[in-house]
Protein backbone atom coordinates (compact mmCIF):
# COMPACT_ATOMS: atom_id res chain seq x y z
CA MET A 1 70.48 103.83 102.29
CA ALA A 2 73.85 102.96 103.78
CA LYS A 3 76.83 102.85 101.57
CA LYS A 4 78.21 99.82 100.51
CA THR A 5 81.55 98.64 102.47
CA VAL A 6 84.38 97.73 100.07
CA ASP A 7 86.74 94.80 100.71
CA ILE A 8 90.12 95.95 100.35
CA VAL A 9 92.14 92.74 100.72
CA ARG A 10 95.57 93.91 101.26
CA PHE A 11 98.62 95.69 99.97
CA HIS A 12 99.39 93.84 96.78
CA HIS A 13 102.08 95.46 94.42
CA ALA A 14 104.20 98.79 93.42
CA GLU A 15 105.46 99.80 90.29
CA LEU A 16 108.81 101.72 90.61
CA THR A 17 111.06 103.26 87.89
CA VAL A 18 114.89 102.31 87.34
CA THR A 19 116.96 103.84 84.86
CA ASP A 20 118.78 100.45 83.42
CA LEU A 21 116.40 97.34 83.45
CA ASP A 22 119.23 94.84 82.75
CA ARG A 23 121.15 96.23 85.98
CA ALA A 24 117.86 96.24 87.82
CA ARG A 25 117.44 92.70 86.82
CA GLU A 26 120.73 91.51 88.26
CA PHE A 27 119.90 93.24 91.31
CA TYR A 28 116.66 92.09 91.95
CA CYS A 29 116.74 88.83 90.76
CA LYS A 30 120.53 87.49 91.53
CA GLY A 31 120.65 89.61 94.47
CA LEU A 32 117.28 90.03 96.19
CA GLY A 33 115.92 86.71 94.80
CA PHE A 34 112.93 87.84 93.04
CA ILE A 35 111.23 85.49 90.33
CA GLU A 36 110.91 87.19 86.76
CA THR A 37 107.43 86.33 85.37
CA GLU A 38 107.85 88.07 82.29
CA SER A 39 109.40 91.44 80.91
CA ASP A 40 109.23 93.46 77.88
CA ALA A 41 111.59 96.58 76.56
CA GLU A 42 110.07 98.71 79.24
CA HIS A 43 109.16 96.55 82.19
CA ILE A 44 110.44 93.38 84.18
CA TYR A 45 107.53 91.90 86.23
CA LEU A 46 108.63 90.26 89.57
CA ARG A 47 107.04 87.92 92.08
CA ALA A 48 107.98 86.27 95.37
CA ILE A 49 108.45 82.78 96.43
CA GLU A 50 105.09 82.71 97.79
CA ASP A 51 102.99 84.80 95.24
CA ALA A 52 100.77 82.61 93.02
CA ASN A 53 99.92 85.66 91.02
CA HIS A 54 101.53 87.48 88.13
CA HIS A 55 103.44 90.07 90.15
CA CYS A 56 104.24 92.15 93.22
CA LEU A 57 106.77 94.61 92.08
CA VAL A 58 107.02 96.10 88.51
CA LEU A 59 110.40 98.00 87.37
CA THR A 60 109.41 100.33 84.78
CA LYS A 61 112.37 102.18 82.46
CA GLY A 62 112.30 105.56 83.14
CA ASN A 63 114.93 108.68 83.49
CA GLN A 64 115.31 108.40 87.49
CA ALA A 65 113.94 106.73 90.51
CA SER A 66 110.17 107.52 90.99
CA LEU A 67 107.22 105.70 92.27
CA LYS A 68 104.49 105.26 89.67
CA HIS A 69 101.83 103.41 91.94
CA ILE A 70 101.15 101.35 94.92
CA ALA A 71 98.26 99.12 94.69
CA TYR A 72 95.55 97.09 96.82
CA ARG A 73 93.63 94.36 95.77
CA VAL A 74 89.94 94.41 96.19
CA GLY A 75 87.69 91.45 97.28
CA SER A 76 85.63 91.73 94.01
CA ASP A 77 85.17 93.29 90.66
CA GLU A 78 82.26 95.35 92.02
CA ASP A 79 84.38 96.72 94.67
CA LEU A 80 86.02 98.62 91.86
CA ASP A 81 82.48 100.24 90.86
CA VAL A 82 81.78 100.80 94.49
CA LEU A 83 85.39 102.67 94.79
CA ASP A 84 84.57 104.40 91.51
CA GLU A 85 81.19 106.09 92.82
CA LEU A 86 83.19 107.20 96.21
CA PHE A 87 86.12 108.64 94.47
CA THR A 88 83.58 110.45 92.22
CA GLU A 89 81.67 111.78 95.18
CA LEU A 90 84.93 112.97 96.98
CA GLY A 91 85.83 114.44 93.78
CA MET A 92 89.12 112.55 93.56
CA LYS A 93 91.62 112.56 90.60
CA LYS A 94 90.99 109.15 89.28
CA ILE A 95 91.67 107.10 85.87
CA TRP A 96 90.27 103.47 84.81
CA ILE A 97 93.48 101.34 83.93
CA GLY A 98 92.36 98.73 81.24
CA ALA A 99 92.27 94.98 81.57
CA GLY A 100 96.49 94.34 80.19
CA GLU A 101 97.25 97.64 80.13
CA GLU A 102 99.68 96.51 83.28
CA LYS A 103 100.49 92.75 82.12
CA GLY A 104 98.72 90.13 84.02
CA GLN A 105 96.22 92.31 85.65
CA GLY A 106 92.53 93.13 85.03
CA ARG A 107 91.01 96.50 85.00
CA ALA A 108 92.32 98.80 87.79
CA LEU A 109 91.11 102.14 89.35
CA ARG A 110 94.01 104.62 89.93
CA ILE A 111 93.80 107.80 92.14
CA GLN A 112 95.89 110.56 93.27
CA ASP A 113 94.95 110.08 97.37
CA PRO A 114 94.71 113.77 99.41
CA GLY A 115 98.63 113.25 100.12
CA GLY A 116 99.19 112.98 96.54
CA MET A 117 100.40 109.56 96.51
CA PRO A 118 99.30 107.32 93.09
CA VAL A 119 97.07 104.49 94.43
CA GLU A 120 95.58 101.79 92.43
CA PHE A 121 92.90 99.31 93.66
CA PHE A 122 92.21 95.68 91.21
CA PHE A 123 90.90 92.62 91.35
CA GLU A 124 91.84 90.26 88.98
CA MET A 125 95.66 89.14 88.20
CA ASP A 126 96.78 86.26 86.12
CA LYS A 127 97.96 83.35 87.99
CA ALA A 128 101.55 82.11 88.31
CA GLU A 129 103.64 79.27 89.50
CA ARG A 130 103.87 79.34 93.24
CA MET A 131 107.37 78.62 94.01
CA LEU A 132 106.71 78.30 98.16
CA GLN A 133 107.67 74.30 97.83
CA LYS A 134 110.27 74.53 94.95
CA TYR A 135 112.99 74.60 97.51
CA HIS A 136 115.56 73.59 94.59
CA LEU A 137 114.71 76.82 92.88
CA GLN A 138 114.89 79.11 95.45
CA GLY A 139 117.93 81.22 95.80
CA ASN A 140 119.83 82.85 98.78
CA SER A 141 117.35 85.51 99.49
CA LYS A 142 114.00 84.32 100.04
CA ILE A 143 111.80 86.96 99.89
CA LYS A 144 108.17 85.57 100.58
CA ARG A 145 105.81 88.29 100.04
CA ILE A 146 105.28 91.89 99.95
CA ASP A 147 104.13 93.54 103.09
CA HIS A 148 103.59 97.47 103.36
CA ALA A 149 104.21 100.90 101.67
CA ASN A 150 105.87 103.53 103.55
CA CYS A 151 104.74 107.18 102.47
CA LEU A 152 105.88 110.59 103.36
CA ILE A 153 103.19 113.02 103.08
CA THR A 154 102.78 116.75 104.39
CA ASN A 155 98.89 116.49 105.62
CA ILE A 156 98.82 113.52 108.14
CA ASP A 157 95.95 114.65 109.76
CA GLU A 158 93.72 114.94 106.86
CA LEU A 159 94.92 111.69 105.34
CA TYR A 160 94.75 109.43 108.40
CA ASP A 161 91.08 110.24 108.41
CA TRP A 162 90.72 109.72 104.88
CA TYR A 163 92.04 106.41 104.99
CA SER A 164 90.21 105.43 108.29
CA LYS A 165 86.97 107.06 107.14
CA HIS A 166 86.15 106.02 103.66
CA LEU A 167 88.55 102.96 102.98
CA GLY A 168 88.27 101.39 106.71
CA PHE A 169 91.81 101.06 107.37
CA ARG A 170 92.68 100.51 110.95
CA THR A 171 95.60 101.55 112.84
CA SER A 172 97.95 99.35 114.82
CA GLU A 173 100.64 101.87 116.30
CA PHE A 174 100.82 105.49 115.88
CA THR A 175 103.70 108.33 116.93
CA VAL A 176 102.86 111.62 118.18
CA ASN A 177 105.02 114.88 118.52
CA GLY A 178 104.29 117.69 121.13
CA TYR A 179 103.18 117.34 124.44
CA GLU A 180 99.46 117.68 126.15
CA GLU A 181 97.10 120.27 124.57
CA ASP A 182 99.63 120.62 121.84
CA GLU A 183 100.16 116.78 121.03
CA HIS A 184 99.44 115.82 117.37
CA ILE A 185 99.96 112.66 115.29
CA TRP A 186 103.30 112.67 113.38
CA ALA A 187 102.99 109.03 111.85
CA ALA A 188 100.64 106.11 111.51
CA TRP A 189 100.70 102.34 110.96
CA MET A 190 97.46 101.28 109.18
CA HIS A 191 96.37 97.89 108.09
CA ARG A 192 93.54 96.19 106.11
CA LYS A 193 95.00 92.54 106.21
CA PRO A 194 95.55 91.55 109.99
CA SER A 195 99.32 92.51 110.20
CA VAL A 196 100.63 95.75 111.78
CA HIS A 197 100.59 97.79 108.54
CA ASP A 198 99.86 97.79 104.65
CA LEU A 199 100.53 101.36 104.80
CA ALA A 200 102.86 103.82 106.87
CA LEU A 201 101.96 107.55 106.89
CA ILE A 202 104.75 109.51 108.06
CA SER A 203 104.71 113.21 108.41
CA GLU A 204 107.60 114.53 106.02
CA LYS A 205 108.43 116.73 103.17
CA GLY A 206 106.27 115.26 100.41
CA PRO A 207 104.62 113.52 98.72
CA ARG A 208 107.39 111.05 98.55
CA TYR A 209 107.92 107.30 98.67
CA HIS A 210 110.13 105.90 101.14
CA HIS A 211 110.15 102.32 100.89
CA THR A 212 108.40 99.12 99.98
CA GLY A 213 108.52 96.37 102.78
CA PHE A 214 109.14 92.77 101.88
CA TRP A 215 108.63 89.72 104.15
CA MET A 216 110.72 86.92 105.27
CA ASP A 217 110.65 84.01 107.59
CA ASP A 218 112.92 85.19 110.19
CA ALA A 219 115.97 87.19 111.36
CA LYS A 220 118.24 84.52 110.09
CA SER A 221 116.64 84.85 106.33
CA ILE A 222 117.41 88.41 106.48
CA LEU A 223 120.88 87.94 107.80
CA ASP A 224 121.63 85.33 105.26
CA ALA A 225 120.28 87.90 102.26
CA CYS A 226 123.07 90.47 103.64
CA ASP A 227 125.73 87.84 103.07
CA HIS A 228 124.23 87.04 99.77
CA LEU A 229 124.11 90.89 98.78
CA ALA A 230 127.64 91.44 100.31
CA SER A 231 129.28 88.46 98.65
CA LEU A 232 127.89 89.43 95.27
CA GLY A 233 129.52 93.12 95.50
CA TYR A 234 126.44 94.56 96.90
CA TYR A 235 127.35 95.68 100.27
CA ALA A 236 127.20 99.30 99.59
CA HIS A 237 123.57 98.88 98.67
CA ILE A 238 122.96 97.84 102.26
CA GLU A 239 121.73 101.15 103.56
CA ARG A 240 120.90 100.78 107.19
CA SER A 241 122.24 97.46 109.09
CA PRO A 242 119.90 94.84 110.45
CA GLY A 243 117.88 95.89 113.88
CA ARG A 244 114.82 95.83 115.45
CA HIS A 245 112.11 98.70 115.15
CA GLY A 246 110.37 99.80 118.28
CA THR A 247 107.20 100.61 116.34
CA SER A 248 105.98 97.20 114.81
CA ASN A 249 108.58 95.30 116.66
CA ALA A 250 109.84 93.99 113.39
CA PHE A 251 113.33 92.87 112.67
CA PHE A 252 114.81 94.72 109.41
CA VAL A 253 117.18 95.79 107.26
CA TYR A 254 117.32 98.17 104.62
CA VAL A 255 118.62 98.31 101.03
CA ARG A 256 118.72 100.45 97.91
CA ASP A 257 118.63 99.75 94.35
CA HIS A 258 121.16 101.54 91.85
CA ASP A 259 119.07 104.41 91.40
CA GLY A 260 118.00 104.78 95.31
CA ASN A 261 114.52 102.90 95.40
CA ARG A 262 114.63 101.36 99.09
CA ILE A 263 113.50 98.10 99.88
CA GLU A 264 113.01 97.13 103.36
CA LEU A 265 113.69 93.37 104.23
CA TYR A 266 111.06 92.73 107.11
CA THR A 267 110.06 90.00 109.63
CA GLY A 268 108.90 89.92 113.21
CA ASP A 269 105.74 91.86 113.71
CA TYR A 270 102.44 90.65 115.32
CA PHE A 271 98.61 89.59 114.92
CA THR A 272 96.24 92.66 114.99
CA ASN A 273 92.95 91.43 114.32
CA ASP A 274 91.45 90.81 117.92
CA PRO A 275 88.32 92.92 118.23
CA ASP A 276 89.68 94.37 121.46
CA PHE A 277 93.07 95.38 119.91
CA GLU A 278 94.17 99.00 121.09
CA PRO A 279 96.51 101.05 118.79
CA ILE A 280 100.09 101.24 120.14
CA LYS A 281 101.39 104.75 121.15
CA TRP A 282 104.69 106.05 120.86
CA HIS A 283 106.39 109.49 121.23
CA LEU A 284 108.77 110.97 118.83
CA ASP A 285 111.14 111.49 121.25
CA ASP A 286 111.54 107.93 122.28
CA PRO A 287 114.84 106.47 121.31
CA GLN A 288 113.58 103.12 121.15
CA ARG A 289 110.59 103.98 119.02
CA ALA A 290 112.49 103.85 115.48
CA THR A 291 115.31 101.31 116.77
CA PHE A 292 114.51 99.11 119.69
CA TRP A 293 118.16 98.89 120.21
CA GLY A 294 118.62 102.69 120.24
CA ALA A 295 120.98 103.17 117.26
CA LEU A 296 120.36 106.07 115.18
CA PRO A 297 119.29 105.54 111.31
CA PRO A 298 121.90 106.93 108.67
CA GLU A 299 121.40 110.43 107.11
CA SER A 300 120.44 108.86 103.85
CA TRP A 301 117.23 106.83 105.15
CA ARG A 302 116.29 109.75 107.29
CA ASN A 303 116.38 112.51 104.43
CA GLU A 304 116.29 110.64 101.17
CA ALA A 305 113.13 109.21 99.37
CA VAL A 306 111.67 108.86 95.70
CA GLN A 307 109.38 111.42 94.10
CA VAL A 308 106.07 110.23 93.06
CA GLU A 309 104.19 110.59 89.67
CA ASP A 310 101.40 112.28 88.75
CA ILE A 311 98.50 109.77 87.69
CA LEU A 312 97.45 111.58 84.57
CA THR A 313 100.78 113.18 83.06
CA GLY A 314 103.39 110.87 84.56
CA GLN A 315 105.39 114.15 85.82
CA LEU A 316 107.03 113.99 89.10
CA LEU A 317 104.96 115.96 91.65
CA PRO A 318 106.61 118.58 93.39
CA VAL A 319 108.05 118.45 97.08
CA GLU A 320 106.40 120.30 99.57
CA THR A 321 107.11 121.09 103.14
CA VAL A 322 104.89 119.95 106.06
CA LYS A 323 102.54 122.81 107.03
CA ARG A 324 102.81 122.11 110.52
CA LEU A 325 106.60 122.42 110.34
CA GLU A 326 106.10 125.86 108.23
CA LYS A 327 103.88 126.83 111.08
CA ALA A 328 106.34 126.36 113.82
CA GLU A 329 109.17 127.53 112.17
CA ASN A 330 107.06 131.06 111.36
CA GLN A 331 106.77 131.26 115.00
CA ASN A 332 110.54 130.87 116.08
């Protein structure tokens, strides 16, 4: 009997740890324009302008910045049971999150993927007021929706195959390192929705979480958001100035909250769902890969990212060096 396929709709939300909820509220709501759905002593549940559901971002009080989980929405409640069977067969570390344990959300299945990333799957979420045409209530930073998660992992070959084979992720673009017979994959932009990516996998020290990408209408919206942040005194939180990526073609800016969690404001990628779409290949040495205009990103963007949590204990997972890089260093 053929195995049941699972309808993973899209990347849906992330839960990040911050040390001061009041300070985070000011930055995310007043600065970035997120809408607060509700909060309690330990959490703030935020949504973007297009969201008709409870949240796309959860801020949880903690001792330092970390990723508690990223989450994908599936097409039916039955899909969760199919995933449970699959992850049991694969021997994955997993737990069930009961309905309401994450406010506004139905039951969910959370795993530690083979790269160490805490990943959740859910179907049901409470409805919330959609603000898309409430123009009089929209602030100066108009974030429309969540777009993707960017993860740093040490075992990209294994993880790339795992997401492709078991969860049906497709590839829009990829980067290779090395040449000819020594060529190997260094990064992959993978998707379930018909855009460039829901998930970016980068071969780096990990597991670590680099950033959450949020969609905005156009480049002018991103520039306006930078003006708004700077006028509020958040100029030092703009980490990487606006530019255009070669990979994904996206116009971007990167900002960081007070604890170091990184947000990308993102627009300008493209449709990927044609049946004859072929993944675009880049080489790591290409100067237009990271920034199409050629400017190098700052050292903090290249080297800094937050640790991720163990789904069972909540402890931070240790950061390891890429296996392939260890091998190369031993040969020098």
